[in-house]
Amino acid sequence: MRILFISQYFTPEIGAASERITGLTFNLSKLGHKVTVITGFPNYPIGKIYPGYKKKPFSLEQNNGIKIIRVWLFASPKTGAVARLFNYLSFMFTSIIAGIFTGSTDCTIATSGPLFTALAGYIISIIKRSSFVFDVRDIWPERIYAGTNIKRGLMIKALEKIEMLLYKKASGITAVTNGVKDNIVSKGILGEKITVITNGVDTGIFYPKPVNSSLVEKLGIRENSFVVIYVGTLGLLQDLQLMAACAERLKYYSDILFLVVGGGAKRDEFIDVVKNKNLTNIKTLLPVSPKELCDYVNLSNVGINANTDHPHNNMAIPVKIFPYMACAKPIILANTGEIVHLVEKYNVGRCVPPGNVEEFTNAVLEFYNNRELCKLCGENGYKLVNERFSMNRLAKDFSNVISNYSS
């Protein structure tokens, strides 16, 4: 089947969107599909075009059997609403232009958020006379204002009209969690039209391996340290204050180290908090490639995630937990919703309420004091990932879905 993916984020960018679409497309290609991806020049999360990518209207690449068309988009390190809007709209327009020249396709798939990417995909599907599959990772525009003081003005209401149009016009919808599916169904869309295809991990990249002693030496990690790792976005929906507060409570444990690997809108703010509190037990590092990240995760003892109590976090399964589990590490999460059931049912770690520093700290100490528990939960997570959340398995599920909607 000829498949066209529209995604603003793609490898070598790091983040949930890039990891999902990169993993799915690479594995769909292995299944024999002819896959083309339209994406932007890599800039997330720093807001600057990555080195090695010249500023030009478009470029063509081949990677793992996939044709990748990169298009110009407005990139800025500014995180305000205007800068983000220009970023989203510029990609929407240039991706539509690129879509006109991609040749015939059987199925056009667009992933959202942002919602503008999905709108571009729908328009391209009309031009190409192909089926349109809407891959919903975030509920837009609801995510913008839910749980905040932002009012549903004309802009939000207009985006809600577009959201419903896309749901109705899509041949099929894939939702990243059951919570996202339930949200869409609550708006009057038939559940039969929606298939849950979760996030996952490439188990060919992330797997248990011996500790890289050169990396340990490079990072200045002392022998026998208990390493608590966080990888991923340092943004608006992550509770960075909770992680800092937990590290502050544990700063007198000389052998506990927090390793934070990531970038995002709140990274500088987090670094300032660490400096102001003189938290020498936190090392904050810039994002690295997935292959490098595997070594970072494998030198850790436990992986963590802390989200704010935002309504849309309750629908999410944090993508960063999958590399942790794929490397057989237990997880500690400050989350509510669907992920809590998963962690408790399969005993892969501990979940505490969002914002609860005391319980989060106690969870870290529980694993610190019980290395057999670390091993047990890590092994449970490794088994779970390979059974349910490997990208090659998810790509097969995705292939079955889109085969029903090929034009």
Protein backbone atom coordinates (compact mmCIF):
# COMPACT_ATOMS: atom_id res chain seq x y z
CA MET A 1 0.00 0.00 0.00
CA ARG A 2 1.16 3.56 -0.71
CA ILE A 3 0.99 5.50 2.55
CA LEU A 4 1.56 9.23 3.06
CA PHE A 5 2.23 10.42 6.61
CA ILE A 6 1.97 14.07 7.63
CA SER A 7 3.76 14.79 10.91
CA GLN A 8 5.35 18.04 12.02
CA TYR A 9 7.79 16.05 14.19
CA PHE A 10 10.08 13.26 13.03
CA THR A 11 13.52 11.81 13.68
CA PRO A 12 16.10 13.12 14.62
CA GLU A 13 13.78 15.15 16.85
CA ILE A 14 13.18 13.70 20.29
CA GLY A 15 9.73 13.55 21.82
CA ALA A 16 6.53 11.52 21.89
CA ALA A 17 5.29 12.59 18.45
CA SER A 18 8.59 11.97 16.68
CA GLU A 19 9.15 8.62 18.38
CA ARG A 20 5.62 7.43 17.54
CA ILE A 21 5.64 8.36 13.87
CA THR A 22 9.27 7.39 13.28
CA GLY A 23 8.71 3.98 14.84
CA LEU A 24 5.44 3.32 13.02
CA THR A 25 6.69 4.42 9.59
CA PHE A 26 9.96 2.49 9.77
CA ASN A 27 8.12 -0.67 10.76
CA LEU A 28 5.33 -0.16 8.21
CA SER A 29 8.05 -0.01 5.57
CA LYS A 30 9.45 -3.33 6.85
CA LEU A 31 5.97 -4.80 6.39
CA GLY A 32 6.17 -3.97 2.69
CA HIS A 33 4.26 -0.69 2.51
CA LYS A 34 5.60 2.17 0.38
CA VAL A 35 5.83 5.00 2.91
CA THR A 36 6.37 8.72 2.36
CA VAL A 37 6.62 11.20 5.24
CA ILE A 38 6.13 14.95 4.99
CA THR A 39 7.69 16.66 7.99
CA GLY A 40 9.47 19.84 8.99
CA PHE A 41 13.16 20.59 9.28
CA PRO A 42 14.11 19.30 12.74
CA ASN A 43 13.98 22.00 15.41
CA TYR A 44 12.01 20.62 18.38
CA PRO A 45 12.34 21.21 21.32
CA ILE A 46 15.02 23.94 21.06
CA GLY A 47 13.24 25.98 18.39
CA LYS A 48 16.36 26.15 16.18
CA ILE A 49 17.01 24.17 13.01
CA TYR A 50 19.41 21.33 13.85
CA PRO A 51 23.00 21.54 12.58
CA GLY A 52 23.46 19.95 9.19
CA TYR A 53 20.06 21.07 7.91
CA LYS A 54 20.22 24.15 5.71
CA LYS A 55 17.40 26.64 5.64
CA LYS A 56 15.73 25.96 2.31
CA PRO A 57 12.19 25.38 1.01
CA PHE A 58 12.40 21.58 1.09
CA SER A 59 14.75 18.58 1.03
CA LEU A 60 14.49 14.89 0.18
CA GLU A 61 15.92 12.02 2.24
CA GLN A 62 15.80 8.24 2.28
CA ASN A 63 15.90 6.47 5.64
CA ASN A 64 15.08 2.82 6.38
CA GLY A 65 13.24 2.50 3.07
CA ILE A 66 11.14 5.62 3.69
CA LYS A 67 10.99 8.71 1.49
CA ILE A 68 11.18 11.78 3.76
CA ILE A 69 10.19 15.19 2.43
CA ARG A 70 11.25 18.00 4.76
CA VAL A 71 9.56 21.37 4.32
CA TRP A 72 10.33 24.83 5.60
CA LEU A 73 8.60 25.99 8.76
CA PHE A 74 8.96 28.95 11.07
CA ALA A 75 11.23 27.91 13.94
CA SER A 76 11.90 30.04 17.00
CA PRO A 77 13.15 29.41 20.54
CA LYS A 78 10.34 31.68 21.76
CA THR A 79 7.54 29.76 23.44
CA GLY A 80 4.78 32.37 23.31
CA ALA A 81 1.43 31.83 21.59
CA VAL A 82 2.28 33.93 18.52
CA ALA A 83 5.56 32.10 17.82
CA ARG A 84 3.88 28.72 18.21
CA LEU A 85 0.99 29.72 15.94
CA PHE A 86 3.42 30.79 13.20
CA ASN A 87 5.28 27.50 13.68
CA TYR A 88 2.11 25.44 13.29
CA LEU A 89 0.60 27.43 10.41
CA SER A 90 3.82 27.61 8.40
CA PHE A 91 4.14 23.82 8.49
CA MET A 92 0.50 23.39 7.53
CA PHE A 93 0.88 25.49 4.39
CA THR A 94 4.24 24.13 3.24
CA SER A 95 3.19 20.52 3.87
CA ILE A 96 0.09 21.01 1.72
CA ILE A 97 2.27 22.35 -1.10
CA ALA A 98 4.64 19.38 -0.76
CA GLY A 99 1.70 16.99 -0.67
CA ILE A 100 0.57 18.08 -4.12
CA PHE A 101 3.80 16.74 -5.64
CA THR A 102 4.15 13.41 -3.79
CA GLY A 103 2.48 11.24 -6.39
CA SER A 104 -0.41 8.83 -5.91
CA THR A 105 -1.25 7.51 -2.45
CA ASP A 106 -3.80 5.05 -1.13
CA CYS A 107 -4.02 6.43 2.39
CA THR A 108 -3.09 9.81 3.89
CA ILE A 109 -2.44 9.78 7.64
CA ALA A 110 -2.00 12.92 9.70
CA THR A 111 -1.10 13.05 13.38
CA SER A 112 -2.26 15.67 15.86
CA GLY A 113 -1.57 17.77 17.85
CA PRO A 114 -1.16 20.30 16.52
CA LEU A 115 -4.59 20.27 14.91
CA PHE A 116 -3.24 22.21 11.91
CA THR A 117 -1.21 19.15 10.89
CA ALA A 118 -4.38 17.07 10.74
CA LEU A 119 -6.11 19.77 8.71
CA ALA A 120 -3.22 19.70 6.23
CA GLY A 121 -3.57 15.94 5.98
CA TYR A 122 -7.28 16.16 5.27
CA ILE A 123 -6.77 18.77 2.55
CA ILE A 124 -4.01 16.66 0.97
CA SER A 125 -6.29 13.59 1.03
CA ILE A 126 -8.88 15.53 -0.95
CA ILE A 127 -6.26 16.59 -3.49
CA LYS A 128 -4.89 13.04 -3.76
CA ARG A 129 -8.37 11.46 -3.67
CA SER A 130 -7.16 9.08 -0.99
CA SER A 131 -8.65 7.90 2.26
CA PHE A 132 -7.84 10.00 5.34
CA VAL A 133 -6.88 8.50 8.71
CA PHE A 134 -6.69 10.88 11.67
CA ASP A 135 -4.10 9.80 14.26
CA VAL A 136 -5.06 11.55 17.50
CA ARG A 137 -2.29 11.88 20.10
CA ASP A 138 -3.67 14.97 21.85
CA ILE A 139 -7.19 16.35 21.97
CA TRP A 140 -6.93 19.73 20.27
CA PRO A 141 -7.94 22.44 20.90
CA GLU A 142 -9.23 21.23 24.26
CA ARG A 143 -5.70 20.67 25.49
CA ILE A 144 -4.99 24.38 25.12
CA TYR A 145 -7.56 25.56 27.61
CA ALA A 146 -8.67 22.56 29.72
CA GLY A 147 -7.73 23.04 33.34
CA THR A 148 -6.62 26.65 32.74
CA ASN A 149 -8.13 30.13 32.92
CA ILE A 150 -8.02 30.53 29.14
CA LYS A 151 -11.44 31.46 27.80
CA ARG A 152 -13.07 29.69 24.87
CA GLY A 153 -12.92 32.69 22.56
CA LEU A 154 -13.57 32.83 18.82
CA MET A 155 -10.24 31.18 17.98
CA ILE A 156 -10.89 28.17 20.24
CA LYS A 157 -14.45 27.80 18.98
CA ALA A 158 -13.25 27.91 15.36
CA LEU A 159 -10.67 25.20 16.12
CA GLU A 160 -13.38 23.08 17.75
CA LYS A 161 -15.38 23.30 14.50
CA ILE A 162 -12.31 22.10 12.59
CA GLU A 163 -11.76 19.32 15.13
CA MET A 164 -15.29 17.96 14.64
CA LEU A 165 -15.02 18.30 10.85
CA LEU A 166 -11.86 16.17 10.87
CA TYR A 167 -13.44 13.51 13.08
CA LYS A 168 -16.45 13.27 10.79
CA LYS A 169 -14.53 13.34 7.50
CA ALA A 170 -11.87 10.84 8.54
CA SER A 171 -12.27 7.36 7.09
CA GLY A 172 -10.88 6.08 10.37
CA ILE A 173 -9.42 7.43 13.60
CA THR A 174 -6.56 6.01 15.65
CA ALA A 175 -6.32 7.12 19.28
CA VAL A 176 -3.22 6.86 21.42
CA THR A 177 -5.07 5.74 24.58
CA ASN A 178 -8.52 4.57 25.66
CA GLY A 179 -8.93 7.91 27.42
CA VAL A 180 -8.45 9.78 24.13
CA LYS A 181 -10.94 7.44 22.44
CA ASP A 182 -13.51 8.01 25.20
CA ASN A 183 -13.10 11.78 24.82
CA ILE A 184 -13.77 11.59 21.08
CA VAL A 185 -16.77 9.30 21.58
CA SER A 186 -18.19 11.74 24.15
CA LYS A 187 -18.39 14.31 21.33
CA GLY A 188 -20.71 12.12 19.28
CA ILE A 189 -18.27 10.14 17.14
CA LEU A 190 -19.02 6.42 16.82
CA GLY A 191 -16.63 4.24 18.79
CA GLU A 192 -16.54 1.72 15.91
CA LYS A 193 -14.66 4.32 13.87
CA ILE A 194 -11.85 4.58 16.44
CA THR A 195 -9.02 2.12 17.08
CA VAL A 196 -6.61 2.49 19.97
CA ILE A 197 -2.98 2.24 18.84
CA THR A 198 -0.81 3.13 21.82
CA ASN A 199 2.65 4.62 21.86
CA GLY A 200 5.50 2.19 22.22
CA VAL A 201 9.22 1.70 21.81
CA ASP A 202 11.65 0.31 19.26
CA THR A 203 13.01 -2.73 21.08
CA GLY A 204 15.83 -2.89 18.56
CA ILE A 205 17.13 0.39 19.95
CA PHE A 206 16.16 0.11 23.63
CA TYR A 207 17.04 -3.13 25.41
CA PRO A 208 18.95 -4.22 28.53
CA LYS A 209 22.72 -3.98 28.07
CA PRO A 210 25.79 -3.70 30.32
CA VAL A 211 26.59 -0.32 31.83
CA ASN A 212 28.75 1.81 29.53
CA SER A 213 31.72 2.50 31.82
CA SER A 214 33.06 5.23 29.52
CA LEU A 215 29.77 7.11 29.78
CA VAL A 216 29.75 6.72 33.58
CA GLU A 217 33.24 8.19 33.70
CA LYS A 218 32.32 10.99 31.29
CA LEU A 219 29.33 11.99 33.43
CA GLY A 220 31.35 11.81 36.64
CA ILE A 221 28.99 9.29 38.26
CA ARG A 222 30.48 7.71 41.34
CA GLU A 223 30.71 3.95 41.67
CA ASN A 224 27.67 2.25 43.23
CA SER A 225 25.49 5.34 42.82
CA PHE A 226 21.72 4.81 42.74
CA VAL A 227 20.74 6.67 39.56
CA VAL A 228 17.20 8.02 39.11
CA ILE A 229 16.72 9.01 35.46
CA TYR A 230 14.25 11.30 33.71
CA VAL A 231 14.29 11.50 29.92
CA GLY A 232 12.09 13.64 27.70
CA THR A 233 10.49 17.04 27.45
CA LEU A 234 10.93 19.64 30.17
CA GLY A 235 7.78 21.53 29.34
CA LEU A 236 4.53 22.99 30.57
CA LEU A 237 2.84 19.69 31.41
CA GLN A 238 5.74 18.20 33.37
CA ASP A 239 5.94 18.80 37.13
CA LEU A 240 9.57 19.86 37.31
CA GLN A 241 9.06 21.40 40.75
CA LEU A 242 8.12 17.99 42.14
CA MET A 243 11.28 16.39 40.77
CA ALA A 244 13.42 19.18 42.19
CA ALA A 245 11.64 18.97 45.54
CA CYS A 246 12.20 15.21 45.66
CA ALA A 247 15.91 15.65 44.95
CA GLU A 248 16.08 18.30 47.66
CA ARG A 249 14.63 15.90 50.22
CA LEU A 250 17.16 13.25 49.22
CA LYS A 251 20.25 15.46 48.93
CA TYR A 252 21.76 14.00 52.09
CA TYR A 253 21.89 10.56 50.45
CA SER A 254 25.32 10.91 48.90
CA ASP A 255 24.82 7.89 46.63
CA ILE A 256 21.49 8.95 45.07
CA LEU A 257 21.84 10.89 41.81
CA PHE A 258 19.10 12.36 39.60
CA LEU A 259 19.98 12.35 35.90
CA VAL A 260 17.71 14.58 33.79
CA VAL A 261 18.12 14.26 30.02
CA GLY A 262 15.93 16.52 27.93
CA GLY A 263 15.00 19.91 26.56
CA GLY A 264 11.94 22.08 26.31
CA ALA A 265 10.30 25.36 27.24
CA LYS A 266 10.95 24.94 30.98
CA ARG A 267 14.50 23.57 30.82
CA ASP A 268 16.22 26.85 31.71
CA GLU A 269 13.75 27.44 34.52
CA PHE A 270 14.47 23.97 35.91
CA ILE A 271 18.22 24.58 35.77
CA ASP A 272 17.72 27.84 37.67
CA VAL A 273 15.77 26.02 40.40
CA VAL A 274 18.55 23.42 40.69
CA LYS A 275 21.17 26.17 41.00
CA ASN A 276 19.18 28.26 43.47
CA LYS A 277 18.59 25.25 45.71
CA ASN A 278 22.21 24.11 45.28
CA LEU A 279 21.05 20.63 44.31
CA THR A 280 24.35 18.96 43.50
CA ASN A 281 22.55 15.60 43.27
CA ILE A 282 20.95 16.59 39.93
CA LYS A 283 22.74 16.46 36.59
CA THR A 284 20.84 18.12 33.74
CA LEU A 285 21.91 17.12 30.23
CA LEU A 286 20.81 18.05 26.73
CA PRO A 287 18.81 15.54 24.66
CA VAL A 288 20.73 12.78 22.92
CA SER A 289 19.84 10.39 20.10
CA PRO A 290 17.78 7.29 20.94
CA LYS A 291 20.77 5.00 20.42
CA GLU A 292 22.82 7.07 22.87
CA LEU A 293 19.87 7.32 25.23
CA CYS A 294 19.78 3.54 25.59
CA ASP A 295 23.18 3.71 27.35
CA TYR A 296 21.91 6.47 29.66
CA VAL A 297 18.85 4.46 30.67
CA ASN A 298 20.90 1.33 31.23
CA LEU A 299 23.21 3.03 33.71
CA SER A 300 20.18 3.99 35.84
CA ASN A 301 18.37 2.07 38.57
CA VAL A 302 14.89 3.54 38.14
CA GLY A 303 13.08 5.75 35.62
CA ILE A 304 10.72 8.55 36.65
CA ASN A 305 8.04 10.83 35.26
CA ALA A 306 6.05 13.58 36.97
CA ASN A 307 3.13 15.30 35.27
CA THR A 308 1.00 18.21 36.39
CA ASP A 309 -2.63 17.53 37.29
CA HIS A 310 -3.86 18.62 33.86
CA PRO A 311 -7.02 16.93 32.52
CA HIS A 312 -5.22 15.77 29.39
CA ASN A 313 -2.39 14.22 31.36
CA ASN A 314 -5.04 11.95 32.85
CA MET A 315 -5.71 10.54 29.37
CA ALA A 316 -2.05 9.96 28.58
CA ILE A 317 0.37 7.09 28.92
CA PRO A 318 3.73 8.93 29.13
CA VAL A 319 5.86 7.76 26.21
CA LYS A 320 9.07 7.98 28.23
CA ILE A 321 8.09 4.98 30.35
CA PHE A 322 8.56 2.61 27.41
CA PRO A 323 12.35 3.02 27.05
CA TYR A 324 12.63 2.55 30.82
CA MET A 325 10.70 -0.71 30.69
CA ALA A 326 12.42 -1.88 27.50
CA CYS A 327 15.73 -1.59 29.40
CA ALA A 328 14.20 -3.52 32.35
CA LYS A 329 14.07 -0.55 34.72
CA PRO A 330 11.25 -0.02 37.25
CA ILE A 331 9.24 3.18 36.91
CA ILE A 332 7.97 5.79 39.36
CA LEU A 333 5.22 8.11 38.12
CA ALA A 334 3.30 11.05 39.50
CA ASN A 335 0.22 10.51 37.36
CA THR A 336 -3.46 9.68 37.37
CA GLY A 337 -5.69 7.95 34.84
CA GLU A 338 -5.05 5.02 32.54
CA ILE A 339 -1.35 4.64 33.37
CA VAL A 340 -2.08 3.93 37.04
CA HIS A 341 -4.04 0.80 36.13
CA LEU A 342 -1.22 -0.38 33.86
CA VAL A 343 1.48 0.08 36.51
CA GLU A 344 -0.52 -1.60 39.25
CA LYS A 345 -1.86 -4.48 37.14
CA TYR A 346 1.55 -5.55 35.84
CA ASN A 347 3.63 -4.45 38.86
CA VAL A 348 6.16 -2.50 36.81
CA GLY A 349 6.72 0.25 39.39
CA ARG A 350 4.85 2.74 41.54
CA CYS A 351 2.31 5.50 40.83
CA VAL A 352 1.62 8.39 43.22
CA PRO A 353 -0.84 11.30 42.97
CA PRO A 354 0.38 14.32 40.97
CA GLY A 355 2.13 16.92 43.13
CA ASN A 356 2.65 14.59 46.10
CA VAL A 357 6.35 15.09 46.89
CA GLU A 358 6.30 12.94 50.01
CA GLU A 359 4.88 9.84 48.29
CA PHE A 360 7.13 10.33 45.27
CA THR A 361 10.18 10.55 47.53
CA ASN A 362 9.06 7.47 49.49
CA ALA A 363 8.73 5.54 46.21
CA VAL A 364 12.33 6.41 45.28
CA LEU A 365 13.50 5.26 48.72
CA GLU A 366 11.48 2.04 48.43
CA PHE A 367 13.47 1.01 45.37
CA TYR A 368 16.70 2.38 46.81
CA ASN A 369 16.29 0.13 49.83
CA ASN A 370 15.09 -2.93 47.91
CA ARG A 371 17.20 -3.83 44.86
CA GLU A 372 15.31 -7.11 44.45
CA LEU A 373 12.14 -5.08 43.96
CA CYS A 374 13.98 -3.06 41.29
CA LYS A 375 14.84 -6.28 39.50
CA LEU A 376 11.32 -7.72 39.78
CA CYS A 377 9.50 -4.61 38.51
CA GLY A 378 12.12 -4.13 35.80
CA GLU A 379 11.66 -7.68 34.53
CA ASN A 380 7.88 -7.25 34.59
CA GLY A 381 8.17 -4.06 32.52
CA TYR A 382 10.53 -5.67 30.02
CA LYS A 383 8.09 -8.55 29.49
CA LEU A 384 5.13 -6.17 29.13
CA VAL A 385 6.85 -4.01 26.53
CA ASN A 386 7.80 -6.96 24.38
CA GLU A 387 4.30 -8.41 24.58
CA ARG A 388 2.27 -5.24 24.00
CA PHE A 389 4.28 -2.10 23.28
CA SER A 390 7.02 -2.93 20.78
CA MET A 391 6.87 -0.77 17.65
CA ASN A 392 6.93 -3.73 15.27
CA ARG A 393 3.79 -5.13 16.95
CA LEU A 394 2.04 -1.73 16.94
CA ALA A 395 2.89 -1.22 13.26
CA LYS A 396 1.16 -4.51 12.42
CA ASP A 397 -1.95 -3.29 14.26
CA PHE A 398 -1.74 0.04 12.43
CA SER A 399 -1.34 -1.77 9.10
CA ASN A 400 -4.51 -3.75 9.75
CA VAL A 401 -6.41 -0.55 10.50
CA ILE A 402 -5.35 1.40 7.42
CA SER A 403 -5.82 -1.60 5.13
CA ASN A 404 -9.52 -1.25 5.79
CA TYR A 405 -9.50 2.34 4.51
CA SER A 406 -7.24 2.21 1.44
CA SER A 407 -8.79 3.90 -1.55
